[in-house]
């Protein structure tokens, strides 16, 4: 179990439709039964880079839990680029266990290296994230973000034209492709075994004030030989298992809907 002792209220997040036409409208229609069948809130954003099809459903702000570790490493790599240096052996060691095993102590160490919340927000702003805000008490797992912001982060990691160098992108993608088997759930359920495989990072934690769970999953999956970038955030599940099941259902539905939309 991962836990960030927040002691505060449950996250405020509404799983409403993004509305309108296009892929976002299709996602709203496809996910309406999922929302109706769940007491938890969720949001999803997805991009199929080949066609450029992109859409989102839900616009709430959610606690990141451990998906913020991708942002922490991105900030570390940007800082190293600015200083025209490579990561130190210690930084690489922390980065490896932080992403592959979701090690919290490593995340805390690198959080200090990047300058905490202020450093994180500055770095992520350079990557196009506009609605990700650090906790005012410095608890990295209680950073709040949106699915659309997490999709922007994934785009910076996986697509050309990023402020991250090709070397930095490759490093992040490699670690996200080595997440241990016990943590390879979430958006991975939308993959069908084709392509290069899933590269992801998950986050999960109970909120102290309510006992309800935050369960998140972000990454790249391949279905029908085409890659998809997808971020699913959720809050309010009664337990971790229920949160994982919800995130996986949302991911499968969103990728299938996007594939059908892009093929029109």
C-alpha atoms as a PDB file:
ATOM      1  CA  UNK A   1       0.000   0.000   0.000  1.00  0.00           C
ATOM      2  CA  UNK A   2       1.112   3.529  -0.714  1.00  0.00           C
ATOM      3  CA  UNK A   3      -0.009   6.190   1.698  1.00  0.00           C
ATOM      4  CA  UNK A   4       0.416   9.921   1.942  1.00  0.00           C
ATOM      5  CA  UNK A   5      -0.866  11.055   5.306  1.00  0.00           C
ATOM      6  CA  UNK A   6      -3.001  14.005   4.333  1.00  0.00           C
ATOM      7  CA  UNK A   7      -5.491  14.329   7.158  1.00  0.00           C
ATOM      8  CA  UNK A   8      -7.571  16.553   4.898  1.00  0.00           C
ATOM      9  CA  UNK A   9     -10.904  16.199   3.142  1.00  0.00           C
ATOM     10  CA  UNK A  10     -11.526  13.847   0.264  1.00  0.00           C
ATOM     11  CA  UNK A  11     -10.567  15.293  -3.107  1.00  0.00           C
ATOM     12  CA  UNK A  12     -13.201  17.315  -4.877  1.00  0.00           C
ATOM     13  CA  UNK A  13     -13.603  15.904  -8.367  1.00  0.00           C
ATOM     14  CA  UNK A  14     -16.613  15.609 -10.589  1.00  0.00           C
ATOM     15  CA  UNK A  15     -16.857  13.009 -13.336  1.00  0.00           C
ATOM     16  CA  UNK A  16     -18.886  15.059 -15.757  1.00  0.00           C
ATOM     17  CA  UNK A  17     -18.835  14.944 -19.504  1.00  0.00           C
ATOM     18  CA  UNK A  18     -16.556  17.300 -21.333  1.00  0.00           C
ATOM     19  CA  UNK A  19     -19.493  17.843 -23.641  1.00  0.00           C
ATOM     20  CA  UNK A  20     -19.687  18.954 -27.218  1.00  0.00           C
ATOM     21  CA  UNK A  21     -19.033  17.082 -30.408  1.00  0.00           C
ATOM     22  CA  UNK A  22     -15.978  15.200 -31.580  1.00  0.00           C
ATOM     23  CA  UNK A  23     -14.123  12.579 -29.600  1.00  0.00           C
ATOM     24  CA  UNK A  24     -14.953  14.174 -26.247  1.00  0.00           C
ATOM     25  CA  UNK A  25     -18.639  13.798 -27.050  1.00  0.00           C
ATOM     26  CA  UNK A  26     -18.110  10.178 -28.067  1.00  0.00           C
ATOM     27  CA  UNK A  27     -16.250   9.517 -24.825  1.00  0.00           C
ATOM     28  CA  UNK A  28     -19.079  11.090 -22.831  1.00  0.00           C
ATOM     29  CA  UNK A  29     -21.608   8.806 -24.481  1.00  0.00           C
ATOM     30  CA  UNK A  30     -19.472   5.681 -24.110  1.00  0.00           C
ATOM     31  CA  UNK A  31     -18.553   6.350 -20.486  1.00  0.00           C
ATOM     32  CA  UNK A  32     -22.007   7.415 -19.281  1.00  0.00           C
ATOM     33  CA  UNK A  33     -22.919   3.846 -18.223  1.00  0.00           C
ATOM     34  CA  UNK A  34     -19.609   3.524 -16.384  1.00  0.00           C
ATOM     35  CA  UNK A  35     -20.243   6.749 -14.481  1.00  0.00           C
ATOM     36  CA  UNK A  36     -23.816   5.717 -13.699  1.00  0.00           C
ATOM     37  CA  UNK A  37     -22.617   2.417 -12.279  1.00  0.00           C
ATOM     38  CA  UNK A  38     -19.927   3.850  -9.996  1.00  0.00           C
ATOM     39  CA  UNK A  39     -20.057   5.884  -6.806  1.00  0.00           C
ATOM     40  CA  UNK A  40     -16.519   7.112  -7.498  1.00  0.00           C
ATOM     41  CA  UNK A  41     -15.516  10.039  -9.679  1.00  0.00           C
ATOM     42  CA  UNK A  42     -13.195   9.708 -12.659  1.00  0.00           C
ATOM     43  CA  UNK A  43     -11.685  11.615 -15.534  1.00  0.00           C
ATOM     44  CA  UNK A  44      -9.863  10.448 -18.661  1.00  0.00           C
ATOM     45  CA  UNK A  45      -7.893  12.053 -21.472  1.00  0.00           C
ATOM     46  CA  UNK A  46      -6.636  10.173 -24.515  1.00  0.00           C
ATOM     47  CA  UNK A  47      -4.646  10.822 -27.688  1.00  0.00           C
ATOM     48  CA  UNK A  48      -4.069   8.627 -30.735  1.00  0.00           C
ATOM     49  CA  UNK A  49      -0.955  10.289 -32.188  1.00  0.00           C
ATOM     50  CA  UNK A  50      -1.268   8.748 -35.652  1.00  0.00           C
ATOM     51  CA  UNK A  51      -4.559  10.436 -36.451  1.00  0.00           C
ATOM     52  CA  UNK A  52      -4.275  13.244 -33.925  1.00  0.00           C
ATOM     53  CA  UNK A  53      -7.616  12.221 -32.415  1.00  0.00           C
ATOM     54  CA  UNK A  54      -7.775  13.510 -28.850  1.00  0.00           C
ATOM     55  CA  UNK A  55     -10.491  13.972 -26.298  1.00  0.00           C
ATOM     56  CA  UNK A  56     -11.300  14.101 -22.611  1.00  0.00           C
ATOM     57  CA  UNK A  57     -14.151  13.212 -20.317  1.00  0.00           C
ATOM     58  CA  UNK A  58     -14.416  14.868 -16.911  1.00  0.00           C
ATOM     59  CA  UNK A  59     -12.573  17.976 -15.810  1.00  0.00           C
ATOM     60  CA  UNK A  60     -12.035  17.512 -12.086  1.00  0.00           C
ATOM     61  CA  UNK A  61      -8.806  18.031 -10.157  1.00  0.00           C
ATOM     62  CA  UNK A  62      -7.468  14.888  -8.481  1.00  0.00           C
ATOM     63  CA  UNK A  63      -4.704  14.040  -6.039  1.00  0.00           C
ATOM     64  CA  UNK A  64      -1.914  12.455  -8.051  1.00  0.00           C
ATOM     65  CA  UNK A  65      -0.672   9.818  -5.613  1.00  0.00           C
ATOM     66  CA  UNK A  66       2.332   8.190  -7.264  1.00  0.00           C
ATOM     67  CA  UNK A  67       1.676   9.158 -10.880  1.00  0.00           C
ATOM     68  CA  UNK A  68       3.429  12.405  -9.867  1.00  0.00           C
ATOM     69  CA  UNK A  69       6.666  10.417  -9.922  1.00  0.00           C
ATOM     70  CA  UNK A  70       6.732  10.766 -13.723  1.00  0.00           C
ATOM     71  CA  UNK A  71       6.531  14.531 -13.263  1.00  0.00           C
ATOM     72  CA  UNK A  72       9.254  14.485 -10.612  1.00  0.00           C
ATOM     73  CA  UNK A  73      11.602  12.621 -12.940  1.00  0.00           C
ATOM     74  CA  UNK A  74      10.722  14.901 -15.859  1.00  0.00           C
ATOM     75  CA  UNK A  75      11.586  17.904 -13.681  1.00  0.00           C
ATOM     76  CA  UNK A  76      14.876  16.300 -12.646  1.00  0.00           C
ATOM     77  CA  UNK A  77      15.798  15.624 -16.273  1.00  0.00           C
ATOM     78  CA  UNK A  78      14.913  19.170 -17.355  1.00  0.00           C
ATOM     79  CA  UNK A  79      17.124  20.526 -14.589  1.00  0.00           C
ATOM     80  CA  UNK A  80      19.997  18.303 -15.659  1.00  0.00           C
ATOM     81  CA  UNK A  81      19.540  19.472 -19.260  1.00  0.00           C
ATOM     82  CA  UNK A  82      19.681  23.086 -18.108  1.00  0.00           C
ATOM     83  CA  UNK A  83      22.939  22.345 -16.310  1.00  0.00           C
ATOM     84  CA  UNK A  84      24.253  20.432 -19.356  1.00  0.00           C
ATOM     85  CA  UNK A  85      24.947  17.340 -17.303  1.00  0.00           C
ATOM     86  CA  UNK A  86      23.799  13.761 -16.997  1.00  0.00           C
ATOM     87  CA  UNK A  87      22.109  12.391 -13.917  1.00  0.00           C
ATOM     88  CA  UNK A  88      24.418  11.296 -11.142  1.00  0.00           C
ATOM     89  CA  UNK A  89      24.660   7.631 -10.174  1.00  0.00           C
ATOM     90  CA  UNK A  90      22.596   8.352  -7.053  1.00  0.00           C
ATOM     91  CA  UNK A  91      19.928  10.189  -9.047  1.00  0.00           C
ATOM     92  CA  UNK A  92      19.704   7.296 -11.504  1.00  0.00           C
ATOM     93  CA  UNK A  93      19.389   4.850  -8.642  1.00  0.00           C
ATOM     94  CA  UNK A  94      16.555   6.861  -7.095  1.00  0.00           C
ATOM     95  CA  UNK A  95      14.846   7.321 -10.475  1.00  0.00           C
ATOM     96  CA  UNK A  96      14.923   3.604 -11.214  1.00  0.00           C
ATOM     97  CA  UNK A  97      13.237   2.442  -8.023  1.00  0.00           C
ATOM     98  CA  UNK A  98      10.886   5.449  -7.973  1.00  0.00           C
ATOM     99  CA  UNK A  99       9.381   4.539 -11.357  1.00  0.00           C
ATOM    100  CA  UNK A 100       9.853   0.773 -11.550  1.00  0.00           C
ATOM    101  CA  UNK A 101       8.873   0.000  -7.933  1.00  0.00           C
ATOM    102  CA  UNK A 102       7.109   3.235  -6.930  1.00  0.00           C
ATOM    103  CA  UNK A 103       9.553   3.724  -4.061  1.00  0.00           C
ATOM    104  CA  UNK A 104       8.392   6.606  -1.882  1.00  0.00           C
ATOM    105  CA  UNK A 105      11.711   7.328  -0.187  1.00  0.00           C
ATOM    106  CA  UNK A 106      13.355   7.772  -3.586  1.00  0.00           C
ATOM    107  CA  UNK A 107      10.564  10.120  -4.640  1.00  0.00           C
ATOM    108  CA  UNK A 108      11.050  12.190  -1.482  1.00  0.00           C
ATOM    109  CA  UNK A 109      14.784  12.438  -2.131  1.00  0.00           C
ATOM    110  CA  UNK A 110      14.296  13.603  -5.727  1.00  0.00           C
ATOM    111  CA  UNK A 111      11.480  15.944  -4.661  1.00  0.00           C
ATOM    112  CA  UNK A 112      14.080  17.794  -2.638  1.00  0.00           C
ATOM    113  CA  UNK A 113      16.540  17.777  -5.531  1.00  0.00           C
ATOM    114  CA  UNK A 114      14.073  19.440  -7.928  1.00  0.00           C
ATOM    115  CA  UNK A 115      13.167  22.154  -5.423  1.00  0.00           C
ATOM    116  CA  UNK A 116       9.942  20.716  -4.075  1.00  0.00           C
ATOM    117  CA  UNK A 117       6.582  22.035  -5.210  1.00  0.00           C
ATOM    118  CA  UNK A 118       7.920  25.264  -6.673  1.00  0.00           C
ATOM    119  CA  UNK A 119      10.479  23.390  -8.746  1.00  0.00           C
ATOM    120  CA  UNK A 120       7.877  20.894  -9.875  1.00  0.00           C
ATOM    121  CA  UNK A 121       5.381  23.519 -11.002  1.00  0.00           C
ATOM    122  CA  UNK A 122       8.048  25.497 -12.854  1.00  0.00           C
ATOM    123  CA  UNK A 123       9.283  22.422 -14.716  1.00  0.00           C
ATOM    124  CA  UNK A 124       5.842  21.099 -15.559  1.00  0.00           C
ATOM    125  CA  UNK A 125       4.798  24.515 -16.793  1.00  0.00           C
ATOM    126  CA  UNK A 126       7.560  24.260 -19.378  1.00  0.00           C
ATOM    127  CA  UNK A 127       6.032  20.964 -20.517  1.00  0.00           C
ATOM    128  CA  UNK A 128       2.610  22.516 -21.060  1.00  0.00           C
ATOM    129  CA  UNK A 129       0.847  21.591 -17.827  1.00  0.00           C
ATOM    130  CA  UNK A 130      -1.376  24.427 -16.637  1.00  0.00           C
ATOM    131  CA  UNK A 131      -3.595  22.849 -13.956  1.00  0.00           C
ATOM    132  CA  UNK A 132      -1.150  20.891 -11.806  1.00  0.00           C
ATOM    133  CA  UNK A 133      -0.553  22.410  -8.378  1.00  0.00           C
ATOM    134  CA  UNK A 134       1.689  21.263  -5.555  1.00  0.00           C
ATOM    135  CA  UNK A 135       0.332  20.704  -2.063  1.00  0.00           C
ATOM    136  CA  UNK A 136       0.990  23.755   0.108  1.00  0.00           C
ATOM    137  CA  UNK A 137       2.527  21.526   2.798  1.00  0.00           C
ATOM    138  CA  UNK A 138       4.984  19.901   0.436  1.00  0.00           C
ATOM    139  CA  UNK A 139       3.423  16.430   0.261  1.00  0.00           C
ATOM    140  CA  UNK A 140       4.224  15.301  -3.264  1.00  0.00           C
ATOM    141  CA  UNK A 141       1.460  12.676  -3.410  1.00  0.00           C
ATOM    142  CA  UNK A 142      -1.139  15.369  -2.747  1.00  0.00           C
ATOM    143  CA  UNK A 143      -0.176  17.393  -5.772  1.00  0.00           C
ATOM    144  CA  UNK A 144      -3.423  17.965  -7.674  1.00  0.00           C
ATOM    145  CA  UNK A 145      -3.756  17.555 -11.414  1.00  0.00           C
ATOM    146  CA  UNK A 146      -6.207  16.947 -14.251  1.00  0.00           C
ATOM    147  CA  UNK A 147      -6.362  14.147 -16.796  1.00  0.00           C
ATOM    148  CA  UNK A 148      -5.718  16.686 -19.561  1.00  0.00           C
ATOM    149  CA  UNK A 149      -2.553  17.870 -17.793  1.00  0.00           C
ATOM    150  CA  UNK A 150      -1.350  14.296 -17.420  1.00  0.00           C
ATOM    151  CA  UNK A 151      -1.944  13.785 -21.136  1.00  0.00           C
ATOM    152  CA  UNK A 152       0.202  16.858 -21.769  1.00  0.00           C
ATOM    153  CA  UNK A 153       2.927  15.282 -19.641  1.00  0.00           C
ATOM    154  CA  UNK A 154       2.698  12.031 -21.575  1.00  0.00           C
ATOM    155  CA  UNK A 155       2.930  13.979 -24.821  1.00  0.00           C
ATOM    156  CA  UNK A 156       6.133  15.590 -23.562  1.00  0.00           C
ATOM    157  CA  UNK A 157       7.537  12.146 -22.764  1.00  0.00           C
ATOM    158  CA  UNK A 158       6.445  10.288 -25.891  1.00  0.00           C
ATOM    159  CA  UNK A 159       6.083  12.773 -28.760  1.00  0.00           C
ATOM    160  CA  UNK A 160       8.482  14.877 -30.822  1.00  0.00           C
ATOM    161  CA  UNK A 161       8.934  18.589 -30.173  1.00  0.00           C
ATOM    162  CA  UNK A 162       9.221  18.249 -26.407  1.00  0.00           C
ATOM    163  CA  UNK A 163      11.385  20.428 -24.139  1.00  0.00           C
ATOM    164  CA  UNK A 164      12.724  17.089 -22.913  1.00  0.00           C
ATOM    165  CA  UNK A 165      15.668  15.945 -24.999  1.00  0.00           C
ATOM    166  CA  UNK A 166      15.471  12.711 -26.969  1.00  0.00           C
ATOM    167  CA  UNK A 167      17.814  11.162 -24.384  1.00  0.00           C
ATOM    168  CA  UNK A 168      15.598  12.268 -21.507  1.00  0.00           C
ATOM    169  CA  UNK A 169      12.472  11.006 -23.244  1.00  0.00           C
ATOM    170  CA  UNK A 170      14.049   7.631 -23.933  1.00  0.00           C
ATOM    171  CA  UNK A 171      15.170   7.304 -20.323  1.00  0.00           C
ATOM    172  CA  UNK A 172      11.699   8.017 -18.958  1.00  0.00           C
ATOM    173  CA  UNK A 173      10.039   5.684 -21.450  1.00  0.00           C
ATOM    174  CA  UNK A 174      12.482   2.896 -20.613  1.00  0.00           C
ATOM    175  CA  UNK A 175      11.763   3.069 -16.888  1.00  0.00           C
ATOM    176  CA  UNK A 176       8.000   3.251 -17.485  1.00  0.00           C
ATOM    177  CA  UNK A 177       8.339   0.076 -19.537  1.00  0.00           C
ATOM    178  CA  UNK A 178       9.977  -1.752 -16.631  1.00  0.00           C
ATOM    179  CA  UNK A 179       7.334  -1.265 -13.927  1.00  0.00           C
ATOM    180  CA  UNK A 180       7.189  -4.427 -11.840  1.00  0.00           C
ATOM    181  CA  UNK A 181       4.470  -6.941 -12.667  1.00  0.00           C
ATOM    182  CA  UNK A 182       2.475  -6.284  -9.509  1.00  0.00           C
ATOM    183  CA  UNK A 183       2.028  -2.647 -10.509  1.00  0.00           C
ATOM    184  CA  UNK A 184       1.372  -3.170 -14.231  1.00  0.00           C
ATOM    185  CA  UNK A 185      -2.399  -2.735 -14.068  1.00  0.00           C
ATOM    186  CA  UNK A 186      -4.596   0.239 -14.952  1.00  0.00           C
ATOM    187  CA  UNK A 187      -4.250   1.559 -18.490  1.00  0.00           C
ATOM    188  CA  UNK A 188      -2.367  -1.637 -19.372  1.00  0.00           C
ATOM    189  CA  UNK A 189      -5.750  -3.383 -19.543  1.00  0.00           C
ATOM    190  CA  UNK A 190      -6.495  -1.448 -22.761  1.00  0.00           C
ATOM    191  CA  UNK A 191      -3.481  -2.969 -24.564  1.00  0.00           C
ATOM    192  CA  UNK A 192      -3.936  -6.014 -26.784  1.00  0.00           C
ATOM    193  CA  UNK A 193      -0.376  -7.322 -26.906  1.00  0.00           C
ATOM    194  CA  UNK A 194       0.561  -5.711 -30.203  1.00  0.00           C
ATOM    195  CA  UNK A 195       3.326  -3.178 -30.611  1.00  0.00           C
ATOM    196  CA  UNK A 196       6.143  -2.318 -28.250  1.00  0.00           C
ATOM    197  CA  UNK A 197       4.218  -3.015 -25.049  1.00  0.00           C
ATOM    198  CA  UNK A 198       2.810  -0.824 -22.318  1.00  0.00           C
ATOM    199  CA  UNK A 199       4.775   1.923 -20.597  1.00  0.00           C
ATOM    200  CA  UNK A 200       2.988   3.332 -17.584  1.00  0.00           C
ATOM    201  CA  UNK A 201       2.957   4.622 -14.025  1.00  0.00           C
ATOM    202  CA  UNK A 202       0.188   4.034 -11.507  1.00  0.00           C
ATOM    203  CA  UNK A 203      -0.738   5.688  -8.238  1.00  0.00           C
ATOM    204  CA  UNK A 204      -2.956   4.548  -5.376  1.00  0.00           C
ATOM    205  CA  UNK A 205      -3.657   5.672  -1.840  1.00  0.00           C
ATOM    206  CA  UNK A 206      -6.490   5.895   0.706  1.00  0.00           C
ATOM    207  CA  UNK A 207      -7.461   9.356   1.925  1.00  0.00           C
ATOM    208  CA  UNK A 208      -7.080   9.533   5.677  1.00  0.00           C
ATOM    209  CA  UNK A 209     -10.210  11.597   6.287  1.00  0.00           C
ATOM    210  CA  UNK A 210     -12.588   9.257   4.461  1.00  0.00           C
ATOM    211  CA  UNK A 211     -10.851   5.938   3.846  1.00  0.00           C
ATOM    212  CA  UNK A 212     -11.862   6.233   0.188  1.00  0.00           C
ATOM    213  CA  UNK A 213      -9.271   5.524  -2.456  1.00  0.00           C
ATOM    214  CA  UNK A 214      -7.474   7.554  -5.088  1.00  0.00           C
ATOM    215  CA  UNK A 215      -6.457   5.256  -7.971  1.00  0.00           C
ATOM    216  CA  UNK A 216      -4.738   6.678 -11.067  1.00  0.00           C
ATOM    217  CA  UNK A 217      -2.983   5.306 -14.141  1.00  0.00           C
ATOM    218  CA  UNK A 218      -1.129   7.059 -16.973  1.00  0.00           C
ATOM    219  CA  UNK A 219       0.899   5.782 -19.894  1.00  0.00           C
ATOM    220  CA  UNK A 220       1.181   4.568 -23.457  1.00  0.00           C
ATOM    221  CA  UNK A 221      -0.630   1.440 -24.617  1.00  0.00           C
ATOM    222  CA  UNK A 222      -0.843  -0.255 -28.000  1.00  0.00           C
ATOM    223  CA  UNK A 223      -4.066  -1.643 -29.449  1.00  0.00           C
ATOM    224  CA  UNK A 224      -4.543  -2.908 -32.997  1.00  0.00           C
ATOM    225  CA  UNK A 225      -0.940  -1.984 -33.658  1.00  0.00           C
ATOM    226  CA  UNK A 226      -1.470   1.716 -32.862  1.00  0.00           C
ATOM    227  CA  UNK A 227      -0.162   3.579 -29.800  1.00  0.00           C
ATOM    228  CA  UNK A 228      -2.445   5.565 -27.514  1.00  0.00           C
ATOM    229  CA  UNK A 229      -1.494   7.990 -24.771  1.00  0.00           C
ATOM    230  CA  UNK A 230      -4.015   7.826 -21.941  1.00  0.00           C
ATOM    231  CA  UNK A 231      -4.454   9.207 -18.430  1.00  0.00           C
ATOM    232  CA  UNK A 232      -7.182   7.987 -16.071  1.00  0.00           C
ATOM    233  CA  UNK A 233      -7.662   9.619 -12.667  1.00  0.00           C
ATOM    234  CA  UNK A 234     -10.190   8.561 -10.045  1.00  0.00           C
ATOM    235  CA  UNK A 235     -11.258   9.267  -6.488  1.00  0.00           C
ATOM    236  CA  UNK A 236     -13.846   7.894  -4.105  1.00  0.00           C
ATOM    237  CA  UNK A 237     -13.594   4.124  -4.530  1.00  0.00           C
ATOM    238  CA  UNK A 238     -14.372   2.081  -1.440  1.00  0.00           C
ATOM    239  CA  UNK A 239     -11.180   0.045  -1.794  1.00  0.00           C
ATOM    240  CA  UNK A 240      -8.119  -0.280  -4.005  1.00  0.00           C
ATOM    241  CA  UNK A 241      -9.506  -3.238  -5.935  1.00  0.00           C
ATOM    242  CA  UNK A 242     -12.644  -1.328  -6.859  1.00  0.00           C
ATOM    243  CA  UNK A 243     -10.600   1.667  -7.922  1.00  0.00           C
ATOM    244  CA  UNK A 244      -8.367  -0.477 -10.129  1.00  0.00           C
ATOM    245  CA  UNK A 245     -11.411  -2.113 -11.734  1.00  0.00           C
ATOM    246  CA  UNK A 246     -12.934   1.311 -12.447  1.00  0.00           C
ATOM    247  CA  UNK A 247      -9.741   2.714 -13.943  1.00  0.00           C
ATOM    248  CA  UNK A 248      -9.330  -0.359 -16.138  1.00  0.00           C
ATOM    249  CA  UNK A 249     -12.914  -0.199 -17.385  1.00  0.00           C
ATOM    250  CA  UNK A 250     -12.519   3.486 -18.199  1.00  0.00           C
ATOM    251  CA  UNK A 251      -9.216   2.858 -19.990  1.00  0.00           C
ATOM    252  CA  UNK A 252     -10.598   0.046 -22.142  1.00  0.00           C
ATOM    253  CA  UNK A 253     -13.685   2.036 -23.043  1.00  0.00           C
ATOM    254  CA  UNK A 254     -11.715   5.183 -23.858  1.00  0.00           C
ATOM    255  CA  UNK A 255      -9.206   3.408 -26.104  1.00  0.00           C
ATOM    256  CA  UNK A 256     -11.905   1.457 -27.937  1.00  0.00           C
ATOM    257  CA  UNK A 257     -13.929   4.646 -28.443  1.00  0.00           C
ATOM    258  CA  UNK A 258     -10.892   6.536 -29.674  1.00  0.00           C
ATOM    259  CA  UNK A 259      -9.958   3.756 -32.080  1.00  0.00           C
ATOM    260  CA  UNK A 260     -13.467   3.735 -33.546  1.00  0.00           C
ATOM    261  CA  UNK A 261     -13.511   7.519 -33.817  1.00  0.00           C
ATOM    262  CA  UNK A 262     -10.100   7.699 -35.485  1.00  0.00           C
ATOM    263  CA  UNK A 263     -11.107   5.044 -38.016  1.00  0.00           C
ATOM    264  CA  UNK A 264     -14.144   6.961 -39.278  1.00  0.00           C
END
